[in-house]
Amino acid sequence: MKSSLLLLLSILLLASCAKQPAGTVIQPDEQARRRVVELEQQLQLQRKNTDRWEFYTGCLGVACLVCLVIGTSLGAKTRHDACLQSQL
């Protein structure tokens, strides 16, 4: 009951919203345009840094996984050899 009431209210709310054409946005002045360009450049720089960190983190994760596999295999081999020597 409660979910259907919420659904009905949201449909009514969306149906009552006035549609605005795409060209009705207020045109920014020169200072606002410069600020937007500056913020876009800042976002691009942050995105490049994030991409680098993602790459380096992925490489570190793969290296840790390789070290884990090598360490596990060496430990298993050492344990196997120790069991064979103790049986003799």
PDB file of N, CA and C in Angstrom:
ATOM      1  N   MET A   1       0.824  -1.188   0.000  1.00  0.00           N
ATOM      2  CA  MET A   1       0.000   0.000   0.000  1.00  0.00           C
ATOM      3  C   MET A   1       0.870   1.253   0.000  1.00  0.00           C
ATOM      4  N   LYS A   2       1.866   1.235   0.888  1.00  0.00           N
ATOM      5  CA  LYS A   2       2.725   2.408   1.009  1.00  0.00           C
ATOM      6  C   LYS A   2       3.550   2.633  -0.259  1.00  0.00           C
ATOM      7  N   SER A   3       4.069   1.527  -0.836  1.00  0.00           N
ATOM      8  CA  SER A   3       4.880   1.672  -2.042  1.00  0.00           C
ATOM      9  C   SER A   3       4.035   2.121  -3.235  1.00  0.00           C
ATOM     10  N   SER A   4       2.809   1.630  -3.313  1.00  0.00           N
ATOM     11  CA  SER A   4       1.960   2.053  -4.428  1.00  0.00           C
ATOM     12  C   SER A   4       1.559   3.521  -4.286  1.00  0.00           C
ATOM     13  N   LEU A   5       1.384   3.971  -3.041  1.00  0.00           N
ATOM     14  CA  LEU A   5       1.073   5.379  -2.805  1.00  0.00           C
ATOM     15  C   LEU A   5       2.258   6.260  -3.192  1.00  0.00           C
ATOM     16  N   LEU A   6       3.465   5.831  -2.837  1.00  0.00           N
ATOM     17  CA  LEU A   6       4.666   6.582  -3.220  1.00  0.00           C
ATOM     18  C   LEU A   6       4.841   6.606  -4.733  1.00  0.00           C
ATOM     19  N   LEU A   7       4.568   5.488  -5.372  1.00  0.00           N
ATOM     20  CA  LEU A   7       4.657   5.425  -6.826  1.00  0.00           C
ATOM     21  C   LEU A   7       3.662   6.376  -7.477  1.00  0.00           C
ATOM     22  N   LEU A   8       2.438   6.393  -6.978  1.00  0.00           N
ATOM     23  CA  LEU A   8       1.415   7.280  -7.515  1.00  0.00           C
ATOM     24  C   LEU A   8       1.800   8.748  -7.323  1.00  0.00           C
ATOM     25  N   LEU A   9       2.304   9.086  -6.127  1.00  0.00           N
ATOM     26  CA  LEU A   9       2.724  10.470  -5.876  1.00  0.00           C
ATOM     27  C   LEU A   9       3.891  10.885  -6.770  1.00  0.00           C
ATOM     28  N   SER A  10       4.842   9.989  -6.977  1.00  0.00           N
ATOM     29  CA  SER A  10       5.974  10.353  -7.837  1.00  0.00           C
ATOM     30  C   SER A  10       5.546  10.491  -9.293  1.00  0.00           C
ATOM     31  N   ILE A  11       4.611   9.676  -9.744  1.00  0.00           N
ATOM     32  CA  ILE A  11       4.110   9.817 -11.118  1.00  0.00           C
ATOM     33  C   ILE A  11       3.385  11.150 -11.279  1.00  0.00           C
ATOM     34  N   LEU A  12       2.564  11.504 -10.296  1.00  0.00           N
ATOM     35  CA  LEU A  12       1.861  12.789 -10.359  1.00  0.00           C
ATOM     36  C   LEU A  12       2.840  13.963 -10.332  1.00  0.00           C
ATOM     37  N   LEU A  13       3.862  13.855  -9.510  1.00  0.00           N
ATOM     38  CA  LEU A  13       4.858  14.917  -9.436  1.00  0.00           C
ATOM     39  C   LEU A  13       5.600  15.070 -10.760  1.00  0.00           C
ATOM     40  N   LEU A  14       6.018  13.963 -11.360  1.00  0.00           N
ATOM     41  CA  LEU A  14       6.722  14.029 -12.636  1.00  0.00           C
ATOM     42  C   LEU A  14       5.820  14.516 -13.759  1.00  0.00           C
ATOM     43  N   ALA A  15       4.553  14.140 -13.719  1.00  0.00           N
ATOM     44  CA  ALA A  15       3.617  14.567 -14.763  1.00  0.00           C
ATOM     45  C   ALA A  15       3.307  16.050 -14.668  1.00  0.00           C
ATOM     46  N   SER A  16       3.402  16.604 -13.467  1.00  0.00           N
ATOM     47  CA  SER A  16       3.057  18.015 -13.300  1.00  0.00           C
ATOM     48  C   SER A  16       4.248  18.944 -13.567  1.00  0.00           C
ATOM     49  N   CYS A  17       5.436  18.406 -13.744  1.00  0.00           N
ATOM     50  CA  CYS A  17       6.612  19.251 -14.009  1.00  0.00           C
ATOM     51  C   CYS A  17       6.510  19.856 -15.401  1.00  0.00           C
ATOM     52  N   ALA A  18       6.826  21.130 -15.489  1.00  0.00           N
ATOM     53  CA  ALA A  18       6.798  21.805 -16.789  1.00  0.00           C
ATOM     54  C   ALA A  18       8.061  21.458 -17.556  1.00  0.00           C
ATOM     55  N   LYS A  19       7.902  21.199 -18.836  1.00  0.00           N
ATOM     56  CA  LYS A  19       9.049  20.871 -19.677  1.00  0.00           C
ATOM     57  C   LYS A  19       9.682  22.154 -20.183  1.00  0.00           C
ATOM     58  N   GLN A  20      10.991  22.228 -20.107  1.00  0.00           N
ATOM     59  CA  GLN A  20      11.727  23.394 -20.568  1.00  0.00           C
ATOM     60  C   GLN A  20      12.514  23.025 -21.817  1.00  0.00           C
ATOM     61  N   PRO A  21      12.445  23.838 -22.840  1.00  0.00           N
ATOM     62  CA  PRO A  21      13.285  23.576 -24.003  1.00  0.00           C
ATOM     63  C   PRO A  21      14.760  23.763 -23.646  1.00  0.00           C
ATOM     64  N   ALA A  22      15.617  23.137 -24.433  1.00  0.00           N
ATOM     65  CA  ALA A  22      17.043  23.137 -24.127  1.00  0.00           C
ATOM     66  C   ALA A  22      17.664  24.527 -24.219  1.00  0.00           C
ATOM     67  N   GLY A  23      17.122  25.414 -24.993  1.00  0.00           N
ATOM     68  CA  GLY A  23      17.728  26.732 -25.189  1.00  0.00           C
ATOM     69  C   GLY A  23      17.354  27.767 -24.158  1.00  0.00           C
ATOM     70  N   THR A  24      16.626  27.397 -23.109  1.00  0.00           N
ATOM     71  CA  THR A  24      16.175  28.388 -22.141  1.00  0.00           C
ATOM     72  C   THR A  24      17.156  28.614 -20.996  1.00  0.00           C
ATOM     73  N   VAL A  25      18.311  28.007 -21.076  1.00  0.00           N
ATOM     74  CA  VAL A  25      19.315  28.202 -20.025  1.00  0.00           C
ATOM     75  C   VAL A  25      19.881  29.608 -20.155  1.00  0.00           C
ATOM     76  N   ILE A  26      20.102  30.254 -19.043  1.00  0.00           N
ATOM     77  CA  ILE A  26      20.654  31.611 -19.057  1.00  0.00           C
ATOM     78  C   ILE A  26      22.100  31.562 -19.550  1.00  0.00           C
ATOM     79  N   GLN A  27      22.407  32.419 -20.496  1.00  0.00           N
ATOM     80  CA  GLN A  27      23.764  32.454 -21.044  1.00  0.00           C
ATOM     81  C   GLN A  27      24.718  33.098 -20.040  1.00  0.00           C
ATOM     82  N   PRO A  28      25.820  32.424 -19.707  1.00  0.00           N
ATOM     83  CA  PRO A  28      26.755  32.988 -18.730  1.00  0.00           C
ATOM     84  C   PRO A  28      27.582  34.119 -19.326  1.00  0.00           C
ATOM     85  N   ASP A  29      28.030  35.012 -18.466  1.00  0.00           N
ATOM     86  CA  ASP A  29      28.883  36.104 -18.931  1.00  0.00           C
ATOM     87  C   ASP A  29      30.318  35.584 -19.096  1.00  0.00           C
ATOM     88  N   GLU A  30      31.226  36.459 -19.495  1.00  0.00           N
ATOM     89  CA  GLU A  30      32.600  36.050 -19.808  1.00  0.00           C
ATOM     90  C   GLU A  30      33.319  35.491 -18.581  1.00  0.00           C
ATOM     91  N   GLN A  31      33.104  36.100 -17.431  1.00  0.00           N
ATOM     92  CA  GLN A  31      33.772  35.632 -16.213  1.00  0.00           C
ATOM     93  C   GLN A  31      33.292  34.223 -15.852  1.00  0.00           C
ATOM     94  N   ALA A  32      32.019  33.979 -16.013  1.00  0.00           N
ATOM     95  CA  ALA A  32      31.485  32.651 -15.713  1.00  0.00           C
ATOM     96  C   ALA A  32      32.021  31.620 -16.694  1.00  0.00           C
ATOM     97  N   ARG A  33      32.162  32.000 -17.955  1.00  0.00           N
ATOM     98  CA  ARG A  33      32.715  31.072 -18.951  1.00  0.00           C
ATOM     99  C   ARG A  33      34.159  30.718 -18.625  1.00  0.00           C
ATOM    100  N   ARG A  34      34.933  31.731 -18.222  1.00  0.00           N
ATOM    101  CA  ARG A  34      36.326  31.450 -17.851  1.00  0.00           C
ATOM    102  C   ARG A  34      36.388  30.517 -16.652  1.00  0.00           C
ATOM    103  N   ARG A  35      35.493  30.729 -15.705  1.00  0.00           N
ATOM    104  CA  ARG A  35      35.455  29.885 -14.509  1.00  0.00           C
ATOM    105  C   ARG A  35      35.093  28.449 -14.881  1.00  0.00           C
ATOM    106  N   VAL A  36      34.143  28.295 -15.805  1.00  0.00           N
ATOM    107  CA  VAL A  36      33.753  26.959 -16.250  1.00  0.00           C
ATOM    108  C   VAL A  36      34.918  26.265 -16.951  1.00  0.00           C
ATOM    109  N   VAL A  37      35.628  26.990 -17.813  1.00  0.00           N
ATOM    110  CA  VAL A  37      36.776  26.411 -18.509  1.00  0.00           C
ATOM    111  C   VAL A  37      37.858  26.018 -17.508  1.00  0.00           C
ATOM    112  N   GLU A  38      38.082  26.864 -16.529  1.00  0.00           N
ATOM    113  CA  GLU A  38      39.079  26.581 -15.499  1.00  0.00           C
ATOM    114  C   GLU A  38      38.706  25.331 -14.700  1.00  0.00           C
ATOM    115  N   LEU A  39      37.438  25.210 -14.354  1.00  0.00           N
ATOM    116  CA  LEU A  39      36.990  24.039 -13.608  1.00  0.00           C
ATOM    117  C   LEU A  39      37.060  22.766 -14.447  1.00  0.00           C
ATOM    118  N   GLU A  40      36.765  22.880 -15.736  1.00  0.00           N
ATOM    119  CA  GLU A  40      36.871  21.721 -16.621  1.00  0.00           C
ATOM    120  C   GLU A  40      38.315  21.252 -16.734  1.00  0.00           C
ATOM    121  N   GLN A  41      39.253  22.177 -16.834  1.00  0.00           N
ATOM    122  CA  GLN A  41      40.664  21.803 -16.883  1.00  0.00           C
ATOM    123  C   GLN A  41      41.106  21.147 -15.583  1.00  0.00           C
ATOM    124  N   GLN A  42      40.611  21.672 -14.471  1.00  0.00           N
ATOM    125  CA  GLN A  42      40.937  21.087 -13.172  1.00  0.00           C
ATOM    126  C   GLN A  42      40.388  19.663 -13.071  1.00  0.00           C
ATOM    127  N   LEU A  43      39.175  19.455 -13.561  1.00  0.00           N
ATOM    128  CA  LEU A  43      38.590  18.117 -13.536  1.00  0.00           C
ATOM    129  C   LEU A  43      39.363  17.150 -14.430  1.00  0.00           C
ATOM    130  N   GLN A  44      39.824  17.628 -15.589  1.00  0.00           N
ATOM    131  CA  GLN A  44      40.607  16.776 -16.478  1.00  0.00           C
ATOM    132  C   GLN A  44      41.925  16.375 -15.828  1.00  0.00           C
ATOM    133  N   LEU A  45      42.564  17.301 -15.135  1.00  0.00           N
ATOM    134  CA  LEU A  45      43.807  17.006 -14.438  1.00  0.00           C
ATOM    135  C   LEU A  45      43.565  15.989 -13.317  1.00  0.00           C
ATOM    136  N   GLN A  46      42.494  16.167 -12.576  1.00  0.00           N
ATOM    137  CA  GLN A  46      42.170  15.218 -11.515  1.00  0.00           C
ATOM    138  C   GLN A  46      41.883  13.836 -12.095  1.00  0.00           C
ATOM    139  N   ARG A  47      41.224  13.804 -13.234  1.00  0.00           N
ATOM    140  CA  ARG A  47      40.915  12.522 -13.877  1.00  0.00           C
ATOM    141  C   ARG A  47      42.200  11.822 -14.318  1.00  0.00           C
ATOM    142  N   LYS A  48      43.160  12.577 -14.868  1.00  0.00           N
ATOM    143  CA  LYS A  48      44.434  11.979 -15.272  1.00  0.00           C
ATOM    144  C   LYS A  48      45.165  11.410 -14.058  1.00  0.00           C
ATOM    145  N   ASN A  49      45.173  12.166 -12.953  1.00  0.00           N
ATOM    146  CA  ASN A  49      45.834  11.687 -11.741  1.00  0.00           C
ATOM    147  C   ASN A  49      45.147  10.433 -11.205  1.00  0.00           C
ATOM    148  N   THR A  50      43.826  10.412 -11.249  1.00  0.00           N
ATOM    149  CA  THR A  50      43.085   9.245 -10.786  1.00  0.00           C
ATOM    150  C   THR A  50      43.396   8.042 -11.663  1.00  0.00           C
ATOM    151  N   ASP A  51      43.475   8.244 -12.975  1.00  0.00           N
ATOM    152  CA  ASP A  51      43.801   7.145 -13.879  1.00  0.00           C
ATOM    153  C   ASP A  51      45.192   6.593 -13.583  1.00  0.00           C
ATOM    154  N   ARG A  52      46.146   7.473 -13.308  1.00  0.00           N
ATOM    155  CA  ARG A  52      47.502   7.018 -12.971  1.00  0.00           C
ATOM    156  C   ARG A  52      47.486   6.191 -11.693  1.00  0.00           C
ATOM    157  N   TRP A  53      46.778   6.696 -10.675  1.00  0.00           N
ATOM    158  CA  TRP A  53      46.721   5.970  -9.406  1.00  0.00           C
ATOM    159  C   TRP A  53      46.039   4.622  -9.584  1.00  0.00           C
ATOM    160  N   GLU A  54      45.013   4.559 -10.407  1.00  0.00           N
ATOM    161  CA  GLU A  54      44.347   3.278 -10.659  1.00  0.00           C
ATOM    162  C   GLU A  54      45.300   2.299 -11.327  1.00  0.00           C
ATOM    163  N   PHE A  55      46.106   2.773 -12.280  1.00  0.00           N
ATOM    164  CA  PHE A  55      47.063   1.916 -12.964  1.00  0.00           C
ATOM    165  C   PHE A  55      48.117   1.411 -11.995  1.00  0.00           C
ATOM    166  N   TYR A  56      48.692   2.315 -11.197  1.00  0.00           N
ATOM    167  CA  TYR A  56      49.736   1.919 -10.256  1.00  0.00           C
ATOM    168  C   TYR A  56      49.188   0.979  -9.184  1.00  0.00           C
ATOM    169  N   THR A  57      47.987   1.224  -8.730  1.00  0.00           N
ATOM    170  CA  THR A  57      47.377   0.349  -7.736  1.00  0.00           C
ATOM    171  C   THR A  57      47.120  -1.038  -8.316  1.00  0.00           C
ATOM    172  N   GLY A  58      46.686  -1.081  -9.555  1.00  0.00           N
ATOM    173  CA  GLY A  58      46.485  -2.374 -10.213  1.00  0.00           C
ATOM    174  C   GLY A  58      47.776  -3.142 -10.372  1.00  0.00           C
ATOM    175  N   CYS A  59      48.846  -2.444 -10.759  1.00  0.00           N
ATOM    176  CA  CYS A  59      50.154  -3.102 -10.884  1.00  0.00           C
ATOM    177  C   CYS A  59      50.633  -3.626  -9.535  1.00  0.00           C
ATOM    178  N   LEU A  60      50.442  -2.834  -8.488  1.00  0.00           N
ATOM    179  CA  LEU A  60      50.840  -3.264  -7.155  1.00  0.00           C
ATOM    180  C   LEU A  60      50.030  -4.485  -6.714  1.00  0.00           C
ATOM    181  N   GLY A  61      48.757  -4.501  -7.022  1.00  0.00           N
ATOM    182  CA  GLY A  61      47.917  -5.656  -6.680  1.00  0.00           C
ATOM    183  C   GLY A  61      48.363  -6.917  -7.390  1.00  0.00           C
ATOM    184  N   VAL A  62      48.706  -6.802  -8.674  1.00  0.00           N
ATOM    185  CA  VAL A  62      49.179  -7.964  -9.431  1.00  0.00           C
ATOM    186  C   VAL A  62      50.516  -8.440  -8.869  1.00  0.00           C
ATOM    187  N   ALA A  63      51.404  -7.513  -8.529  1.00  0.00           N
ATOM    188  CA  ALA A  63      52.701  -7.891  -7.960  1.00  0.00           C
ATOM    189  C   ALA A  63      52.513  -8.599  -6.618  1.00  0.00           C
ATOM    190  N   CYS A  64      51.590  -8.116  -5.789  1.00  0.00           N
ATOM    191  CA  CYS A  64      51.319  -8.778  -4.508  1.00  0.00           C
ATOM    192  C   CYS A  64      50.761 -10.180  -4.724  1.00  0.00           C
ATOM    193  N   LEU A  65      49.912 -10.332  -5.714  1.00  0.00           N
ATOM    194  CA  LEU A  65      49.352 -11.641  -6.012  1.00  0.00           C
ATOM    195  C   LEU A  65      50.437 -12.602  -6.476  1.00  0.00           C
ATOM    196  N   VAL A  66      51.357 -12.140  -7.319  1.00  0.00           N
ATOM    197  CA  VAL A  66      52.464 -12.978  -7.776  1.00  0.00           C
ATOM    198  C   VAL A  66      53.343 -13.379  -6.594  1.00  0.00           C
ATOM    199  N   CYS A  67      53.646 -12.431  -5.702  1.00  0.00           N
ATOM    200  CA  CYS A  67      54.450 -12.745  -4.514  1.00  0.00           C
ATOM    201  C   CYS A  67      53.733 -13.751  -3.621  1.00  0.00           C
ATOM    202  N   LEU A  68      52.416 -13.640  -3.494  1.00  0.00           N
ATOM    203  CA  LEU A  68      51.649 -14.578  -2.693  1.00  0.00           C
ATOM    204  C   LEU A  68      51.736 -15.987  -3.278  1.00  0.00           C
ATOM    205  N   VAL A  69      51.596 -16.095  -4.583  1.00  0.00           N
ATOM    206  CA  VAL A  69      51.658 -17.415  -5.234  1.00  0.00           C
ATOM    207  C   VAL A  69      53.048 -18.013  -5.092  1.00  0.00           C
ATOM    208  N   ILE A  70      54.084 -17.206  -5.308  1.00  0.00           N
ATOM    209  CA  ILE A  70      55.457 -17.711  -5.181  1.00  0.00           C
ATOM    210  C   ILE A  70      55.741 -18.127  -3.737  1.00  0.00           C
ATOM    211  N   GLY A  71      55.340 -17.312  -2.785  1.00  0.00           N
ATOM    212  CA  GLY A  71      55.559 -17.647  -1.380  1.00  0.00           C
ATOM    213  C   GLY A  71      54.821 -18.901  -0.956  1.00  0.00           C
ATOM    214  N   THR A  72      53.597 -19.056  -1.449  1.00  0.00           N
ATOM    215  CA  THR A  72      52.822 -20.246  -1.118  1.00  0.00           C
ATOM    216  C   THR A  72      53.470 -21.494  -1.695  1.00  0.00           C
ATOM    217  N   SER A  73      53.922 -21.399  -2.933  1.00  0.00           N
ATOM    218  CA  SER A  73      54.552 -22.578  -3.551  1.00  0.00           C
ATOM    219  C   SER A  73      55.879 -22.915  -2.871  1.00  0.00           C
ATOM    220  N   LEU A  74      56.648 -21.910  -2.500  1.00  0.00           N
ATOM    221  CA  LEU A  74      57.899 -22.174  -1.788  1.00  0.00           C
ATOM    222  C   LEU A  74      57.639 -22.780  -0.410  1.00  0.00           C
ATOM    223  N   GLY A  75      56.638 -22.262   0.271  1.00  0.00           N
ATOM    224  CA  GLY A  75      56.290 -22.812   1.583  1.00  0.00           C
ATOM    225  C   GLY A  75      55.811 -24.246   1.488  1.00  0.00           C
ATOM    226  N   ALA A  76      55.001 -24.551   0.484  1.00  0.00           N
ATOM    227  CA  ALA A  76      54.512 -25.916   0.308  1.00  0.00           C
ATOM    228  C   ALA A  76      55.663 -26.860  -0.031  1.00  0.00           C
ATOM    229  N   LYS A  77      56.570 -26.416  -0.865  1.00  0.00           N
ATOM    230  CA  LYS A  77      57.733 -27.241  -1.235  1.00  0.00           C
ATOM    231  C   LYS A  77      58.619 -27.484  -0.019  1.00  0.00           C
ATOM    232  N   THR A  78      58.848 -26.455   0.785  1.00  0.00           N
ATOM    233  CA  THR A  78      59.677 -26.592   1.982  1.00  0.00           C
ATOM    234  C   THR A  78      59.014 -27.544   2.980  1.00  0.00           C
ATOM    235  N   ARG A  79      57.709 -27.414   3.160  1.00  0.00           N
ATOM    236  CA  ARG A  79      56.982 -28.280   4.077  1.00  0.00           C
ATOM    237  C   ARG A  79      57.002 -29.732   3.588  1.00  0.00           C
ATOM    238  N   HIS A  80      56.868 -29.902   2.293  1.00  0.00           N
ATOM    239  CA  HIS A  80      56.907 -31.249   1.705  1.00  0.00           C
ATOM    240  C   HIS A  80      58.277 -31.879   1.908  1.00  0.00           C
ATOM    241  N   ASP A  81      59.319 -31.111   1.646  1.00  0.00           N
ATOM    242  CA  ASP A  81      60.682 -31.622   1.832  1.00  0.00           C
ATOM    243  C   ASP A  81      60.966 -31.931   3.302  1.00  0.00           C
ATOM    244  N   ALA A  82      60.449 -31.139   4.221  1.00  0.00           N
ATOM    245  CA  ALA A  82      60.666 -31.380   5.646  1.00  0.00           C
ATOM    246  C   ALA A  82      59.949 -32.651   6.088  1.00  0.00           C
ATOM    247  N   CYS A  83      58.768 -32.892   5.551  1.00  0.00           N
ATOM    248  CA  CYS A  83      58.040 -34.129   5.884  1.00  0.00           C
ATOM    249  C   CYS A  83      58.798 -35.348   5.373  1.00  0.00           C
ATOM    250  N   LEU A  84      59.360 -35.263   4.182  1.00  0.00           N
ATOM    251  CA  LEU A  84      60.129 -36.391   3.636  1.00  0.00           C
ATOM    252  C   LEU A  84      61.372 -36.659   4.459  1.00  0.00           C
ATOM    253  N   GLN A  85      62.068 -35.619   4.921  1.00  0.00           N
ATOM    254  CA  GLN A  85      63.268 -35.804   5.710  1.00  0.00           C
ATOM    255  C   GLN A  85      62.944 -36.375   7.096  1.00  0.00           C
ATOM    256  N   SER A  86      61.823 -35.981   7.665  1.00  0.00           N
ATOM    257  CA  SER A  86      61.463 -36.483   8.996  1.00  0.00           C
ATOM    258  C   SER A  86      61.047 -37.943   8.948  1.00  0.00           C
ATOM    259  N   GLN A  87      60.563 -38.398   7.803  1.00  0.00           N
ATOM    260  CA  GLN A  87      60.158 -39.806   7.682  1.00  0.00           C
ATOM    261  C   GLN A  87      61.367 -40.717   7.537  1.00  0.00           C
ATOM    262  N   LEU A  88      62.475 -40.163   7.089  1.00  0.00           N
ATOM    263  CA  LEU A  88      63.660 -41.007   6.918  1.00  0.00           C
ATOM    264  C   LEU A  88      64.288 -41.284   8.214  1.00  0.00           C
TER     265      LEU A  88
END
